[in-house]
């Protein structure tokens, strides 16, 4: 019985922490909301959350794709990320991953347009129990390891 009560408590805590990160549109600063509407005027199914203390993240549908975009609290765009298939990675990125991480498996990939680095390709990679997120420019130049 104690185990059941404990598991119920854990589920409640997890669901409450997830809800805390998802916020209604009325909680989003007006500068963020305005910047989002300018950049993605045809976005639908918009859901907002806090990425961190200084960034807001919108998850939404745009042009038939599920996308996320981050903005600073004052409305500056940070990045836009969309999931892509491994087959959509540029050859330079695939080659760089294969060279630097032989025998690692690519488990998830994203194409991210960033204010800081332009377009980058992010990959979650795995080897046994080890997991890592890496990012490269289209030509295979490392952005993040």
C-alpha atoms as a PDB file:
ATOM      1  CA  UNK A   1       0.000   0.000   0.000  1.00  0.00           C
ATOM      2  CA  UNK A   2       2.842   2.389   0.805  1.00  0.00           C
ATOM      3  CA  UNK A   3       4.310   1.768  -2.645  1.00  0.00           C
ATOM      4  CA  UNK A   4       1.024   2.675  -4.316  1.00  0.00           C
ATOM      5  CA  UNK A   5       0.711   5.895  -2.335  1.00  0.00           C
ATOM      6  CA  UNK A   6       4.335   6.755  -3.111  1.00  0.00           C
ATOM      7  CA  UNK A   7       3.815   6.151  -6.847  1.00  0.00           C
ATOM      8  CA  UNK A   8       0.677   8.304  -6.848  1.00  0.00           C
ATOM      9  CA  UNK A   9       2.615  11.108  -5.147  1.00  0.00           C
ATOM     10  CA  UNK A  10       5.405  10.855  -7.741  1.00  0.00           C
ATOM     11  CA  UNK A  11       2.905  11.039 -10.615  1.00  0.00           C
ATOM     12  CA  UNK A  12       1.245  14.094  -9.077  1.00  0.00           C
ATOM     13  CA  UNK A  13       4.601  15.834  -8.583  1.00  0.00           C
ATOM     14  CA  UNK A  14       5.708  15.107 -12.139  1.00  0.00           C
ATOM     15  CA  UNK A  15       2.435  16.311 -13.629  1.00  0.00           C
ATOM     16  CA  UNK A  16       2.548  19.497 -11.557  1.00  0.00           C
ATOM     17  CA  UNK A  17       6.142  20.270 -12.591  1.00  0.00           C
ATOM     18  CA  UNK A  18       5.237  19.763 -16.254  1.00  0.00           C
ATOM     19  CA  UNK A  19       2.235  22.075 -15.901  1.00  0.00           C
ATOM     20  CA  UNK A  20       4.407  24.720 -14.295  1.00  0.00           C
ATOM     21  CA  UNK A  21       6.508  24.983 -17.451  1.00  0.00           C
ATOM     22  CA  UNK A  22       3.473  25.282 -19.747  1.00  0.00           C
ATOM     23  CA  UNK A  23       1.846  28.659 -19.442  1.00  0.00           C
ATOM     24  CA  UNK A  24      -1.234  30.286 -20.848  1.00  0.00           C
ATOM     25  CA  UNK A  25      -0.787  32.930 -23.528  1.00  0.00           C
ATOM     26  CA  UNK A  26      -1.816  35.611 -21.029  1.00  0.00           C
ATOM     27  CA  UNK A  27       1.358  34.984 -18.997  1.00  0.00           C
ATOM     28  CA  UNK A  28       3.665  35.610 -21.959  1.00  0.00           C
ATOM     29  CA  UNK A  29       5.233  39.100 -22.005  1.00  0.00           C
ATOM     30  CA  UNK A  30       3.642  41.299 -24.676  1.00  0.00           C
ATOM     31  CA  UNK A  31       7.037  41.892 -26.373  1.00  0.00           C
ATOM     32  CA  UNK A  32       7.483  38.129 -26.750  1.00  0.00           C
ATOM     33  CA  UNK A  33       3.949  37.593 -28.019  1.00  0.00           C
ATOM     34  CA  UNK A  34       4.254  40.449 -30.529  1.00  0.00           C
ATOM     35  CA  UNK A  35       7.628  39.236 -31.842  1.00  0.00           C
ATOM     36  CA  UNK A  36       6.227  35.720 -32.223  1.00  0.00           C
ATOM     37  CA  UNK A  37       3.200  36.955 -34.188  1.00  0.00           C
ATOM     38  CA  UNK A  38       5.442  38.907 -36.570  1.00  0.00           C
ATOM     39  CA  UNK A  39       7.779  35.958 -37.196  1.00  0.00           C
ATOM     40  CA  UNK A  40       5.070  33.270 -37.376  1.00  0.00           C
ATOM     41  CA  UNK A  41       1.799  34.968 -38.376  1.00  0.00           C
ATOM     42  CA  UNK A  42       0.142  31.738 -39.534  1.00  0.00           C
ATOM     43  CA  UNK A  43       1.139  29.607 -36.517  1.00  0.00           C
ATOM     44  CA  UNK A  44      -1.540  27.409 -34.973  1.00  0.00           C
ATOM     45  CA  UNK A  45      -1.807  25.250 -31.860  1.00  0.00           C
ATOM     46  CA  UNK A  46       0.577  27.531 -29.947  1.00  0.00           C
ATOM     47  CA  UNK A  47       1.694  26.426 -26.494  1.00  0.00           C
ATOM     48  CA  UNK A  48       4.025  28.561 -24.362  1.00  0.00           C
ATOM     49  CA  UNK A  49       6.573  27.627 -21.715  1.00  0.00           C
ATOM     50  CA  UNK A  50       9.634  29.029 -19.995  1.00  0.00           C
ATOM     51  CA  UNK A  51      12.900  27.688 -21.412  1.00  0.00           C
ATOM     52  CA  UNK A  52      14.796  29.327 -18.545  1.00  0.00           C
ATOM     53  CA  UNK A  53      14.670  32.560 -16.498  1.00  0.00           C
ATOM     54  CA  UNK A  54      15.380  34.731 -19.558  1.00  0.00           C
ATOM     55  CA  UNK A  55      13.799  32.776 -22.427  1.00  0.00           C
ATOM     56  CA  UNK A  56      10.305  31.838 -23.551  1.00  0.00           C
ATOM     57  CA  UNK A  57       9.581  28.891 -25.828  1.00  0.00           C
ATOM     58  CA  UNK A  58       6.590  28.485 -28.117  1.00  0.00           C
ATOM     59  CA  UNK A  59       5.699  25.067 -29.485  1.00  0.00           C
ATOM     60  CA  UNK A  60       3.363  25.296 -32.457  1.00  0.00           C
ATOM     61  CA  UNK A  61       2.369  24.148 -35.917  1.00  0.00           C
ATOM     62  CA  UNK A  62       3.555  26.229 -38.864  1.00  0.00           C
ATOM     63  CA  UNK A  63       3.259  25.312 -42.528  1.00  0.00           C
ATOM     64  CA  UNK A  64       2.323  21.762 -41.514  1.00  0.00           C
ATOM     65  CA  UNK A  65       5.381  21.236 -39.295  1.00  0.00           C
ATOM     66  CA  UNK A  66       5.722  20.971 -35.528  1.00  0.00           C
ATOM     67  CA  UNK A  67       8.181  23.676 -34.534  1.00  0.00           C
ATOM     68  CA  UNK A  68       9.535  25.356 -31.437  1.00  0.00           C
ATOM     69  CA  UNK A  69      10.882  28.894 -31.246  1.00  0.00           C
ATOM     70  CA  UNK A  70      12.613  30.717 -28.419  1.00  0.00           C
ATOM     71  CA  UNK A  71      12.525  34.424 -27.615  1.00  0.00           C
ATOM     72  CA  UNK A  72      14.157  36.481 -24.884  1.00  0.00           C
ATOM     73  CA  UNK A  73      11.849  38.203 -22.401  1.00  0.00           C
ATOM     74  CA  UNK A  74      12.243  41.471 -24.325  1.00  0.00           C
ATOM     75  CA  UNK A  75      11.076  39.857 -27.583  1.00  0.00           C
ATOM     76  CA  UNK A  76      14.357  39.087 -29.342  1.00  0.00           C
ATOM     77  CA  UNK A  77      14.238  35.893 -31.388  1.00  0.00           C
ATOM     78  CA  UNK A  78      16.835  33.299 -30.293  1.00  0.00           C
ATOM     79  CA  UNK A  79      16.160  30.202 -32.400  1.00  0.00           C
ATOM     80  CA  UNK A  80      13.670  28.124 -34.306  1.00  0.00           C
ATOM     81  CA  UNK A  81      13.945  24.348 -34.190  1.00  0.00           C
ATOM     82  CA  UNK A  82      12.244  21.658 -36.228  1.00  0.00           C
ATOM     83  CA  UNK A  83      12.746  17.927 -36.068  1.00  0.00           C
ATOM     84  CA  UNK A  84      14.073  16.321 -39.241  1.00  0.00           C
ATOM     85  CA  UNK A  85      14.792  12.782 -40.356  1.00  0.00           C
ATOM     86  CA  UNK A  86      18.354  11.469 -40.123  1.00  0.00           C
ATOM     87  CA  UNK A  87      18.263  11.123 -43.920  1.00  0.00           C
ATOM     88  CA  UNK A  88      17.804  14.919 -44.138  1.00  0.00           C
ATOM     89  CA  UNK A  89      21.133  15.678 -42.440  1.00  0.00           C
ATOM     90  CA  UNK A  90      23.629  17.253 -44.829  1.00  0.00           C
ATOM     91  CA  UNK A  91      26.490  14.999 -45.927  1.00  0.00           C
ATOM     92  CA  UNK A  92      29.027  17.172 -44.071  1.00  0.00           C
ATOM     93  CA  UNK A  93      27.172  16.656 -40.791  1.00  0.00           C
ATOM     94  CA  UNK A  94      26.767  12.903 -41.283  1.00  0.00           C
ATOM     95  CA  UNK A  95      30.459  12.579 -42.168  1.00  0.00           C
ATOM     96  CA  UNK A  96      31.543  14.625 -39.129  1.00  0.00           C
ATOM     97  CA  UNK A  97      29.440  12.516 -36.756  1.00  0.00           C
ATOM     98  CA  UNK A  98      30.686   9.289 -38.301  1.00  0.00           C
ATOM     99  CA  UNK A  99      34.329  10.457 -38.079  1.00  0.00           C
ATOM    100  CA  UNK A 100      34.174  11.852 -34.538  1.00  0.00           C
ATOM    101  CA  UNK A 101      31.788   9.273 -33.101  1.00  0.00           C
ATOM    102  CA  UNK A 102      32.327   5.992 -34.944  1.00  0.00           C
ATOM    103  CA  UNK A 103      29.865   3.290 -33.930  1.00  0.00           C
ATOM    104  CA  UNK A 104      27.511   5.813 -32.284  1.00  0.00           C
ATOM    105  CA  UNK A 105      23.878   5.719 -33.375  1.00  0.00           C
ATOM    106  CA  UNK A 106      21.970   8.885 -34.270  1.00  0.00           C
ATOM    107  CA  UNK A 107      18.664   8.767 -32.381  1.00  0.00           C
ATOM    108  CA  UNK A 108      17.124  12.178 -33.121  1.00  0.00           C
ATOM    109  CA  UNK A 109      17.945  15.145 -35.354  1.00  0.00           C
ATOM    110  CA  UNK A 110      16.877  18.773 -35.589  1.00  0.00           C
ATOM    111  CA  UNK A 111      17.481  21.621 -37.986  1.00  0.00           C
ATOM    112  CA  UNK A 112      17.840  24.807 -35.975  1.00  0.00           C
ATOM    113  CA  UNK A 113      17.980  28.354 -37.256  1.00  0.00           C
ATOM    114  CA  UNK A 114      19.749  30.446 -34.610  1.00  0.00           C
ATOM    115  CA  UNK A 115      20.422  34.150 -34.176  1.00  0.00           C
ATOM    116  CA  UNK A 116      23.954  33.333 -32.986  1.00  0.00           C
ATOM    117  CA  UNK A 117      25.153  30.617 -35.413  1.00  0.00           C
ATOM    118  CA  UNK A 118      22.771  30.669 -38.366  1.00  0.00           C
ATOM    119  CA  UNK A 119      21.493  27.252 -39.420  1.00  0.00           C
ATOM    120  CA  UNK A 120      22.888  24.329 -37.459  1.00  0.00           C
ATOM    121  CA  UNK A 121      22.045  20.651 -37.274  1.00  0.00           C
ATOM    122  CA  UNK A 122      21.677  19.054 -33.869  1.00  0.00           C
ATOM    123  CA  UNK A 123      21.851  15.316 -33.259  1.00  0.00           C
ATOM    124  CA  UNK A 124      21.240  13.162 -30.240  1.00  0.00           C
ATOM    125  CA  UNK A 125      23.684  10.283 -30.448  1.00  0.00           C
ATOM    126  CA  UNK A 126      24.039   7.114 -28.401  1.00  0.00           C
ATOM    127  CA  UNK A 127      26.639   4.430 -27.789  1.00  0.00           C
ATOM    128  CA  UNK A 128      25.544   1.821 -25.282  1.00  0.00           C
ATOM    129  CA  UNK A 129      24.463   3.711 -22.156  1.00  0.00           C
ATOM    130  CA  UNK A 130      26.291   6.898 -23.222  1.00  0.00           C
ATOM    131  CA  UNK A 131      24.201   9.686 -24.731  1.00  0.00           C
ATOM    132  CA  UNK A 132      25.325  12.998 -26.131  1.00  0.00           C
ATOM    133  CA  UNK A 133      23.914  15.983 -28.007  1.00  0.00           C
ATOM    134  CA  UNK A 134      26.104  17.476 -30.716  1.00  0.00           C
ATOM    135  CA  UNK A 135      25.627  20.338 -33.175  1.00  0.00           C
ATOM    136  CA  UNK A 136      27.310  21.115 -36.485  1.00  0.00           C
ATOM    137  CA  UNK A 137      27.173  23.618 -39.309  1.00  0.00           C
ATOM    138  CA  UNK A 138      26.152  22.196 -42.692  1.00  0.00           C
ATOM    139  CA  UNK A 139      29.795  21.606 -43.681  1.00  0.00           C
ATOM    140  CA  UNK A 140      30.512  19.549 -40.535  1.00  0.00           C
ATOM    141  CA  UNK A 141      32.107  22.332 -38.462  1.00  0.00           C
ATOM    142  CA  UNK A 142      31.493  21.639 -34.773  1.00  0.00           C
ATOM    143  CA  UNK A 143      29.221  24.112 -32.990  1.00  0.00           C
ATOM    144  CA  UNK A 144      28.617  22.128 -29.774  1.00  0.00           C
ATOM    145  CA  UNK A 145      29.905  18.877 -28.323  1.00  0.00           C
END
